[in-house]
């Protein structure tokens, strides 16, 4: 793709157009080894080598990150009162082991409650996000949960039938797998839609309370258990291919 140098750098998250122009004027950008100061310089993103302060700046139309969302942060791009999942991203890759996530158009695909942990996809690919979230697609979302009280076969059957959770239409049938039943039960839940507080509301409908919730997978994408809460990584080419 042929693009202006300042536009390329701004889109890749190195700053606003005006900030980029200042760095160009300082001689902090090279094109194929030559210092370039003119912001209007045209580059070929597939052939030219651009460096920002000696660091290669590689063009990518879309970026995809897998975050292990910790409890206590909200699934939003910005919030005046709460820390957001976007705040967890390292703008320059200075966090140990974390890739740089500079660009300003990244957003979380869907929402996890503030106290819910687990898999959250962060990208700037709106079309993919729409496909994953569309109610018509019925993309599976798998959760691990701990429940106060004994989860029973009757609960499992209620989930399998679908149920009224207070919306204008019943929740779709969901799969409830009982991993351990006791004073605090452990379960795995597979949903094929994504409503507000859905797992919590479905258990509330059968007289139970969710005390811990973690998303394990969304469609073909499974949480990398090597990621500690708050850590993230880029998706592999194979993971992106399966999602797209």
C-alpha atoms as a PDB file:
ATOM      1  CA  UNK A   1       0.000   0.000   0.000  1.00  0.00           C
ATOM      2  CA  UNK A   2       1.247   3.506  -0.856  1.00  0.00           C
ATOM      3  CA  UNK A   3       0.742   5.924   2.034  1.00  0.00           C
ATOM      4  CA  UNK A   4       2.171   9.167   3.425  1.00  0.00           C
ATOM      5  CA  UNK A   5       4.909   8.602   5.976  1.00  0.00           C
ATOM      6  CA  UNK A   6       3.265  10.703   8.697  1.00  0.00           C
ATOM      7  CA  UNK A   7      -0.086   8.978   8.197  1.00  0.00           C
ATOM      8  CA  UNK A   8       1.567   5.555   8.349  1.00  0.00           C
ATOM      9  CA  UNK A   9       3.329   6.331  11.626  1.00  0.00           C
ATOM     10  CA  UNK A  10       0.214   7.880  13.175  1.00  0.00           C
ATOM     11  CA  UNK A  11      -1.921   4.875  12.220  1.00  0.00           C
ATOM     12  CA  UNK A  12       0.654   2.542  13.764  1.00  0.00           C
ATOM     13  CA  UNK A  13       0.316   4.436  17.035  1.00  0.00           C
ATOM     14  CA  UNK A  14       3.571   6.387  17.199  1.00  0.00           C
ATOM     15  CA  UNK A  15       1.704   9.589  17.991  1.00  0.00           C
ATOM     16  CA  UNK A  16      -0.690  12.080  16.480  1.00  0.00           C
ATOM     17  CA  UNK A  17       0.109  13.468  13.037  1.00  0.00           C
ATOM     18  CA  UNK A  18       1.516  16.636  14.662  1.00  0.00           C
ATOM     19  CA  UNK A  19       3.633  14.615  17.122  1.00  0.00           C
ATOM     20  CA  UNK A  20       4.946  12.477  14.283  1.00  0.00           C
ATOM     21  CA  UNK A  21       5.885  15.587  12.278  1.00  0.00           C
ATOM     22  CA  UNK A  22       7.932  16.896  15.222  1.00  0.00           C
ATOM     23  CA  UNK A  23       9.865  13.626  15.433  1.00  0.00           C
ATOM     24  CA  UNK A  24      10.433  13.685  11.688  1.00  0.00           C
ATOM     25  CA  UNK A  25      11.849  17.199  11.984  1.00  0.00           C
ATOM     26  CA  UNK A  26      14.248  15.969  14.692  1.00  0.00           C
ATOM     27  CA  UNK A  27      15.576  13.290  12.348  1.00  0.00           C
ATOM     28  CA  UNK A  28      14.197  10.393  14.387  1.00  0.00           C
ATOM     29  CA  UNK A  29      12.723   8.538  11.404  1.00  0.00           C
ATOM     30  CA  UNK A  30      14.584   6.729   8.640  1.00  0.00           C
ATOM     31  CA  UNK A  31      13.343   5.290   5.364  1.00  0.00           C
ATOM     32  CA  UNK A  32      15.509   2.530   3.907  1.00  0.00           C
ATOM     33  CA  UNK A  33      18.392   3.765   6.057  1.00  0.00           C
ATOM     34  CA  UNK A  34      18.059   7.449   5.138  1.00  0.00           C
ATOM     35  CA  UNK A  35      16.833  10.127   7.549  1.00  0.00           C
ATOM     36  CA  UNK A  36      13.546  11.568   6.277  1.00  0.00           C
ATOM     37  CA  UNK A  37      12.157  14.875   7.516  1.00  0.00           C
ATOM     38  CA  UNK A  38       9.302  15.450   5.062  1.00  0.00           C
ATOM     39  CA  UNK A  39       5.977  14.134   6.446  1.00  0.00           C
ATOM     40  CA  UNK A  40       4.424  13.987   2.971  1.00  0.00           C
ATOM     41  CA  UNK A  41       6.996  11.427   1.760  1.00  0.00           C
ATOM     42  CA  UNK A  42       5.193   8.468   0.173  1.00  0.00           C
ATOM     43  CA  UNK A  43       6.167   4.945   1.213  1.00  0.00           C
ATOM     44  CA  UNK A  44       5.280   1.454   0.040  1.00  0.00           C
ATOM     45  CA  UNK A  45       4.297  -0.490   3.170  1.00  0.00           C
ATOM     46  CA  UNK A  46       5.211  -3.800   1.522  1.00  0.00           C
ATOM     47  CA  UNK A  47       8.661  -2.833   0.250  1.00  0.00           C
ATOM     48  CA  UNK A  48      10.058   0.074   2.252  1.00  0.00           C
ATOM     49  CA  UNK A  49      11.775  -0.235   5.635  1.00  0.00           C
ATOM     50  CA  UNK A  50      10.787   2.480   8.097  1.00  0.00           C
ATOM     51  CA  UNK A  51      12.498   2.875  11.468  1.00  0.00           C
ATOM     52  CA  UNK A  52      11.289   5.018  14.358  1.00  0.00           C
ATOM     53  CA  UNK A  53      14.209   5.895  16.640  1.00  0.00           C
ATOM     54  CA  UNK A  54      16.096   2.863  15.258  1.00  0.00           C
ATOM     55  CA  UNK A  55      13.118   0.552  15.883  1.00  0.00           C
ATOM     56  CA  UNK A  56      11.502  -1.055  12.790  1.00  0.00           C
ATOM     57  CA  UNK A  57       7.951   0.215  12.225  1.00  0.00           C
ATOM     58  CA  UNK A  58       6.001  -2.541  10.500  1.00  0.00           C
ATOM     59  CA  UNK A  59       2.634  -1.882   8.883  1.00  0.00           C
ATOM     60  CA  UNK A  60      -0.332  -4.029   9.826  1.00  0.00           C
ATOM     61  CA  UNK A  61      -3.876  -3.176   8.795  1.00  0.00           C
ATOM     62  CA  UNK A  62      -5.270  -5.161  11.699  1.00  0.00           C
ATOM     63  CA  UNK A  63      -3.781  -6.277  14.992  1.00  0.00           C
ATOM     64  CA  UNK A  64      -5.034  -9.015  17.296  1.00  0.00           C
ATOM     65  CA  UNK A  65      -4.176  -9.534  20.958  1.00  0.00           C
ATOM     66  CA  UNK A  66      -5.301 -12.148  23.470  1.00  0.00           C
ATOM     67  CA  UNK A  67      -5.649 -10.740  26.995  1.00  0.00           C
ATOM     68  CA  UNK A  68      -6.132 -12.719  30.185  1.00  0.00           C
ATOM     69  CA  UNK A  69      -8.415 -10.138  31.761  1.00  0.00           C
ATOM     70  CA  UNK A  70      -7.966  -9.782  35.506  1.00  0.00           C
ATOM     71  CA  UNK A  71     -10.762  -8.936  37.911  1.00  0.00           C
ATOM     72  CA  UNK A  72     -11.115  -5.262  38.762  1.00  0.00           C
ATOM     73  CA  UNK A  73     -10.827  -3.726  35.291  1.00  0.00           C
ATOM     74  CA  UNK A  74     -13.647  -2.838  32.920  1.00  0.00           C
ATOM     75  CA  UNK A  75     -14.050  -3.995  29.317  1.00  0.00           C
ATOM     76  CA  UNK A  76     -13.965  -0.574  27.683  1.00  0.00           C
ATOM     77  CA  UNK A  77     -11.604   1.575  25.650  1.00  0.00           C
ATOM     78  CA  UNK A  78     -11.748   4.416  28.162  1.00  0.00           C
ATOM     79  CA  UNK A  79     -13.403   5.211  31.469  1.00  0.00           C
ATOM     80  CA  UNK A  80     -12.983   8.309  33.640  1.00  0.00           C
ATOM     81  CA  UNK A  81     -13.318   6.397  36.920  1.00  0.00           C
ATOM     82  CA  UNK A  82     -12.202   2.820  36.260  1.00  0.00           C
ATOM     83  CA  UNK A  83      -9.090   1.158  34.883  1.00  0.00           C
ATOM     84  CA  UNK A  84      -9.830  -0.376  31.482  1.00  0.00           C
ATOM     85  CA  UNK A  85      -8.507  -3.384  29.603  1.00  0.00           C
ATOM     86  CA  UNK A  86      -6.871  -0.990  27.121  1.00  0.00           C
ATOM     87  CA  UNK A  87      -4.950   0.579  30.014  1.00  0.00           C
ATOM     88  CA  UNK A  88      -3.294  -2.826  30.527  1.00  0.00           C
ATOM     89  CA  UNK A  89      -1.623  -2.691  27.112  1.00  0.00           C
ATOM     90  CA  UNK A  90       1.975  -1.514  26.883  1.00  0.00           C
ATOM     91  CA  UNK A  91       2.174   1.319  24.366  1.00  0.00           C
ATOM     92  CA  UNK A  92       5.874   0.806  23.714  1.00  0.00           C
ATOM     93  CA  UNK A  93       6.430  -2.815  24.731  1.00  0.00           C
ATOM     94  CA  UNK A  94       8.418  -1.742  27.801  1.00  0.00           C
ATOM     95  CA  UNK A  95       6.549  -4.174  30.064  1.00  0.00           C
ATOM     96  CA  UNK A  96       8.639  -7.324  30.356  1.00  0.00           C
ATOM     97  CA  UNK A  97       7.594  -9.862  27.752  1.00  0.00           C
ATOM     98  CA  UNK A  98       4.640  -7.812  26.531  1.00  0.00           C
ATOM     99  CA  UNK A  99       4.391  -6.771  22.854  1.00  0.00           C
ATOM    100  CA  UNK A 100       3.920  -3.121  21.936  1.00  0.00           C
ATOM    101  CA  UNK A 101       0.277  -2.199  21.355  1.00  0.00           C
ATOM    102  CA  UNK A 102       0.604   1.418  20.249  1.00  0.00           C
ATOM    103  CA  UNK A 103      -2.302   2.065  17.962  1.00  0.00           C
ATOM    104  CA  UNK A 104      -5.209   4.058  19.273  1.00  0.00           C
ATOM    105  CA  UNK A 105      -8.009   2.207  17.472  1.00  0.00           C
ATOM    106  CA  UNK A 106      -7.821  -1.029  19.500  1.00  0.00           C
ATOM    107  CA  UNK A 107     -10.958  -2.151  21.328  1.00  0.00           C
ATOM    108  CA  UNK A 108     -12.172  -5.208  23.273  1.00  0.00           C
ATOM    109  CA  UNK A 109     -14.416  -7.641  21.403  1.00  0.00           C
ATOM    110  CA  UNK A 110     -17.451  -7.901  23.644  1.00  0.00           C
ATOM    111  CA  UNK A 111     -17.511  -7.388  27.385  1.00  0.00           C
ATOM    112  CA  UNK A 112     -16.569  -9.281  30.493  1.00  0.00           C
ATOM    113  CA  UNK A 113     -17.967  -8.034  33.802  1.00  0.00           C
ATOM    114  CA  UNK A 114     -15.580  -6.083  36.013  1.00  0.00           C
ATOM    115  CA  UNK A 115     -15.185  -9.051  38.389  1.00  0.00           C
ATOM    116  CA  UNK A 116     -14.922 -11.664  35.596  1.00  0.00           C
ATOM    117  CA  UNK A 117     -11.552 -12.973  34.456  1.00  0.00           C
ATOM    118  CA  UNK A 118     -10.287 -14.731  31.368  1.00  0.00           C
ATOM    119  CA  UNK A 119     -10.133 -14.533  27.607  1.00  0.00           C
ATOM    120  CA  UNK A 120     -10.704 -11.178  25.947  1.00  0.00           C
ATOM    121  CA  UNK A 121      -9.817 -10.493  22.325  1.00  0.00           C
ATOM    122  CA  UNK A 122      -8.511  -6.992  21.603  1.00  0.00           C
ATOM    123  CA  UNK A 123      -8.283  -5.815  18.008  1.00  0.00           C
ATOM    124  CA  UNK A 124      -9.051  -3.025  15.560  1.00  0.00           C
ATOM    125  CA  UNK A 125     -10.807  -5.411  13.139  1.00  0.00           C
ATOM    126  CA  UNK A 126     -14.428  -4.286  13.305  1.00  0.00           C
ATOM    127  CA  UNK A 127     -15.675  -6.812  10.772  1.00  0.00           C
ATOM    128  CA  UNK A 128     -14.275  -9.751  12.743  1.00  0.00           C
ATOM    129  CA  UNK A 129     -15.700  -8.345  15.974  1.00  0.00           C
ATOM    130  CA  UNK A 130     -19.131  -8.081  14.370  1.00  0.00           C
ATOM    131  CA  UNK A 131     -19.002 -11.695  13.206  1.00  0.00           C
ATOM    132  CA  UNK A 132     -17.963 -12.964  16.625  1.00  0.00           C
ATOM    133  CA  UNK A 133     -20.629 -10.964  18.451  1.00  0.00           C
ATOM    134  CA  UNK A 134     -23.528 -11.286  16.013  1.00  0.00           C
ATOM    135  CA  UNK A 135     -26.519 -13.068  17.622  1.00  0.00           C
ATOM    136  CA  UNK A 136     -27.102 -14.813  14.295  1.00  0.00           C
ATOM    137  CA  UNK A 137     -23.705 -16.545  14.374  1.00  0.00           C
ATOM    138  CA  UNK A 138     -24.182 -18.301  17.741  1.00  0.00           C
ATOM    139  CA  UNK A 139     -20.442 -18.349  18.461  1.00  0.00           C
ATOM    140  CA  UNK A 140     -19.723 -20.619  21.442  1.00  0.00           C
ATOM    141  CA  UNK A 141     -18.348 -18.944  24.577  1.00  0.00           C
ATOM    142  CA  UNK A 142     -17.087 -21.288  27.290  1.00  0.00           C
ATOM    143  CA  UNK A 143     -16.798 -20.295  30.956  1.00  0.00           C
ATOM    144  CA  UNK A 144     -15.504 -21.896  34.128  1.00  0.00           C
ATOM    145  CA  UNK A 145     -17.475 -20.915  37.227  1.00  0.00           C
ATOM    146  CA  UNK A 146     -17.657 -21.599  40.934  1.00  0.00           C
ATOM    147  CA  UNK A 147     -21.189 -21.605  42.286  1.00  0.00           C
ATOM    148  CA  UNK A 148     -22.407 -21.202  45.858  1.00  0.00           C
ATOM    149  CA  UNK A 149     -24.502 -24.303  46.561  1.00  0.00           C
ATOM    150  CA  UNK A 150     -24.869 -27.724  44.978  1.00  0.00           C
ATOM    151  CA  UNK A 151     -25.490 -27.639  41.221  1.00  0.00           C
ATOM    152  CA  UNK A 152     -27.867 -30.427  40.231  1.00  0.00           C
ATOM    153  CA  UNK A 153     -28.978 -32.384  37.189  1.00  0.00           C
ATOM    154  CA  UNK A 154     -32.196 -30.350  37.334  1.00  0.00           C
ATOM    155  CA  UNK A 155     -30.131 -27.191  36.887  1.00  0.00           C
ATOM    156  CA  UNK A 156     -28.319 -28.786  33.951  1.00  0.00           C
ATOM    157  CA  UNK A 157     -31.655 -29.657  32.338  1.00  0.00           C
ATOM    158  CA  UNK A 158     -32.958 -26.114  32.904  1.00  0.00           C
ATOM    159  CA  UNK A 159     -29.908 -24.703  31.124  1.00  0.00           C
ATOM    160  CA  UNK A 160     -30.389 -27.182  28.275  1.00  0.00           C
ATOM    161  CA  UNK A 161     -34.001 -26.050  27.767  1.00  0.00           C
ATOM    162  CA  UNK A 162     -33.236 -22.346  27.834  1.00  0.00           C
ATOM    163  CA  UNK A 163     -34.860 -20.097  30.407  1.00  0.00           C
ATOM    164  CA  UNK A 164     -36.436 -16.784  31.255  1.00  0.00           C
ATOM    165  CA  UNK A 165     -33.798 -14.430  32.675  1.00  0.00           C
ATOM    166  CA  UNK A 166     -35.926 -11.302  32.600  1.00  0.00           C
ATOM    167  CA  UNK A 167     -35.409 -10.200  29.001  1.00  0.00           C
ATOM    168  CA  UNK A 168     -38.054  -9.894  26.299  1.00  0.00           C
ATOM    169  CA  UNK A 169     -37.101 -13.366  25.051  1.00  0.00           C
ATOM    170  CA  UNK A 170     -35.774 -16.453  26.839  1.00  0.00           C
ATOM    171  CA  UNK A 171     -32.079 -17.256  26.923  1.00  0.00           C
ATOM    172  CA  UNK A 172     -31.069 -19.836  24.336  1.00  0.00           C
ATOM    173  CA  UNK A 173     -30.311 -23.388  25.503  1.00  0.00           C
ATOM    174  CA  UNK A 174     -26.861 -23.614  27.084  1.00  0.00           C
ATOM    175  CA  UNK A 175     -24.637 -26.508  28.039  1.00  0.00           C
ATOM    176  CA  UNK A 176     -23.930 -26.898  31.765  1.00  0.00           C
ATOM    177  CA  UNK A 177     -21.245 -29.418  32.699  1.00  0.00           C
ATOM    178  CA  UNK A 178     -20.972 -30.189  36.418  1.00  0.00           C
ATOM    179  CA  UNK A 179     -17.300 -30.659  37.301  1.00  0.00           C
ATOM    180  CA  UNK A 180     -17.790 -30.921  41.062  1.00  0.00           C
ATOM    181  CA  UNK A 181     -20.981 -30.616  43.114  1.00  0.00           C
ATOM    182  CA  UNK A 182     -20.795 -29.548  46.740  1.00  0.00           C
ATOM    183  CA  UNK A 183     -21.218 -26.570  49.040  1.00  0.00           C
ATOM    184  CA  UNK A 184     -19.320 -24.709  46.347  1.00  0.00           C
ATOM    185  CA  UNK A 185     -19.788 -26.333  42.943  1.00  0.00           C
ATOM    186  CA  UNK A 186     -17.483 -26.106  39.951  1.00  0.00           C
ATOM    187  CA  UNK A 187     -19.011 -26.017  36.471  1.00  0.00           C
ATOM    188  CA  UNK A 188     -18.273 -25.334  32.832  1.00  0.00           C
ATOM    189  CA  UNK A 189     -20.897 -23.376  30.879  1.00  0.00           C
ATOM    190  CA  UNK A 190     -21.136 -23.045  27.094  1.00  0.00           C
ATOM    191  CA  UNK A 191     -23.262 -20.160  25.795  1.00  0.00           C
ATOM    192  CA  UNK A 192     -24.226 -19.513  22.191  1.00  0.00           C
ATOM    193  CA  UNK A 193     -25.149 -15.884  22.721  1.00  0.00           C
ATOM    194  CA  UNK A 194     -23.793 -13.063  24.835  1.00  0.00           C
ATOM    195  CA  UNK A 195     -26.217 -11.146  27.017  1.00  0.00           C
ATOM    196  CA  UNK A 196     -25.524  -8.795  29.898  1.00  0.00           C
ATOM    197  CA  UNK A 197     -24.490 -10.791  33.020  1.00  0.00           C
ATOM    198  CA  UNK A 198     -25.898 -13.888  31.309  1.00  0.00           C
ATOM    199  CA  UNK A 199     -24.124 -16.640  33.266  1.00  0.00           C
ATOM    200  CA  UNK A 200     -24.915 -14.940  36.572  1.00  0.00           C
ATOM    201  CA  UNK A 201     -28.552 -14.386  35.615  1.00  0.00           C
ATOM    202  CA  UNK A 202     -29.044 -17.973  34.458  1.00  0.00           C
ATOM    203  CA  UNK A 203     -27.761 -19.316  37.763  1.00  0.00           C
ATOM    204  CA  UNK A 204     -29.859 -16.774  39.638  1.00  0.00           C
ATOM    205  CA  UNK A 205     -32.882 -18.152  37.765  1.00  0.00           C
ATOM    206  CA  UNK A 206     -32.235 -21.592  39.311  1.00  0.00           C
ATOM    207  CA  UNK A 207     -31.598 -20.149  42.774  1.00  0.00           C
ATOM    208  CA  UNK A 208     -27.800 -20.184  42.729  1.00  0.00           C
ATOM    209  CA  UNK A 209     -25.063 -17.547  42.943  1.00  0.00           C
ATOM    210  CA  UNK A 210     -21.892 -17.273  40.874  1.00  0.00           C
ATOM    211  CA  UNK A 211     -18.905 -16.534  43.119  1.00  0.00           C
ATOM    212  CA  UNK A 212     -16.168 -16.761  40.465  1.00  0.00           C
ATOM    213  CA  UNK A 213     -16.303 -16.583  36.674  1.00  0.00           C
ATOM    214  CA  UNK A 214     -13.628 -16.993  34.021  1.00  0.00           C
ATOM    215  CA  UNK A 215     -13.989 -17.173  30.238  1.00  0.00           C
ATOM    216  CA  UNK A 216     -11.979 -20.006  28.724  1.00  0.00           C
ATOM    217  CA  UNK A 217     -12.703 -19.681  25.014  1.00  0.00           C
ATOM    218  CA  UNK A 218     -14.608 -17.820  22.316  1.00  0.00           C
ATOM    219  CA  UNK A 219     -15.215 -19.658  19.071  1.00  0.00           C
ATOM    220  CA  UNK A 220     -11.950 -21.286  18.006  1.00  0.00           C
ATOM    221  CA  UNK A 221      -9.844 -19.072  20.287  1.00  0.00           C
ATOM    222  CA  UNK A 222      -8.862 -20.600  23.648  1.00  0.00           C
ATOM    223  CA  UNK A 223      -7.188 -18.740  26.494  1.00  0.00           C
ATOM    224  CA  UNK A 224      -3.450 -19.327  26.674  1.00  0.00           C
ATOM    225  CA  UNK A 225      -3.060 -20.613  30.234  1.00  0.00           C
ATOM    226  CA  UNK A 226       0.540 -19.408  30.155  1.00  0.00           C
ATOM    227  CA  UNK A 227      -0.777 -15.845  30.434  1.00  0.00           C
ATOM    228  CA  UNK A 228      -1.109 -14.594  33.997  1.00  0.00           C
ATOM    229  CA  UNK A 229      -4.053 -12.273  34.756  1.00  0.00           C
ATOM    230  CA  UNK A 230      -3.281  -8.921  33.147  1.00  0.00           C
ATOM    231  CA  UNK A 231      -0.863 -10.379  30.596  1.00  0.00           C
ATOM    232  CA  UNK A 232      -1.462 -10.511  26.851  1.00  0.00           C
ATOM    233  CA  UNK A 233       0.155 -11.626  23.629  1.00  0.00           C
ATOM    234  CA  UNK A 234      -0.343 -11.308  19.899  1.00  0.00           C
ATOM    235  CA  UNK A 235      -2.442 -13.972  18.226  1.00  0.00           C
ATOM    236  CA  UNK A 236      -0.533 -16.389  16.049  1.00  0.00           C
ATOM    237  CA  UNK A 237      -1.198 -16.438  12.313  1.00  0.00           C
ATOM    238  CA  UNK A 238      -2.978 -19.775  12.762  1.00  0.00           C
ATOM    239  CA  UNK A 239      -5.258 -18.380  15.489  1.00  0.00           C
ATOM    240  CA  UNK A 240      -6.168 -15.381  13.330  1.00  0.00           C
ATOM    241  CA  UNK A 241      -6.813 -17.620  10.328  1.00  0.00           C
ATOM    242  CA  UNK A 242      -9.198 -19.835  12.322  1.00  0.00           C
ATOM    243  CA  UNK A 243     -11.077 -16.826  13.693  1.00  0.00           C
ATOM    244  CA  UNK A 244     -11.399 -15.124  10.320  1.00  0.00           C
END
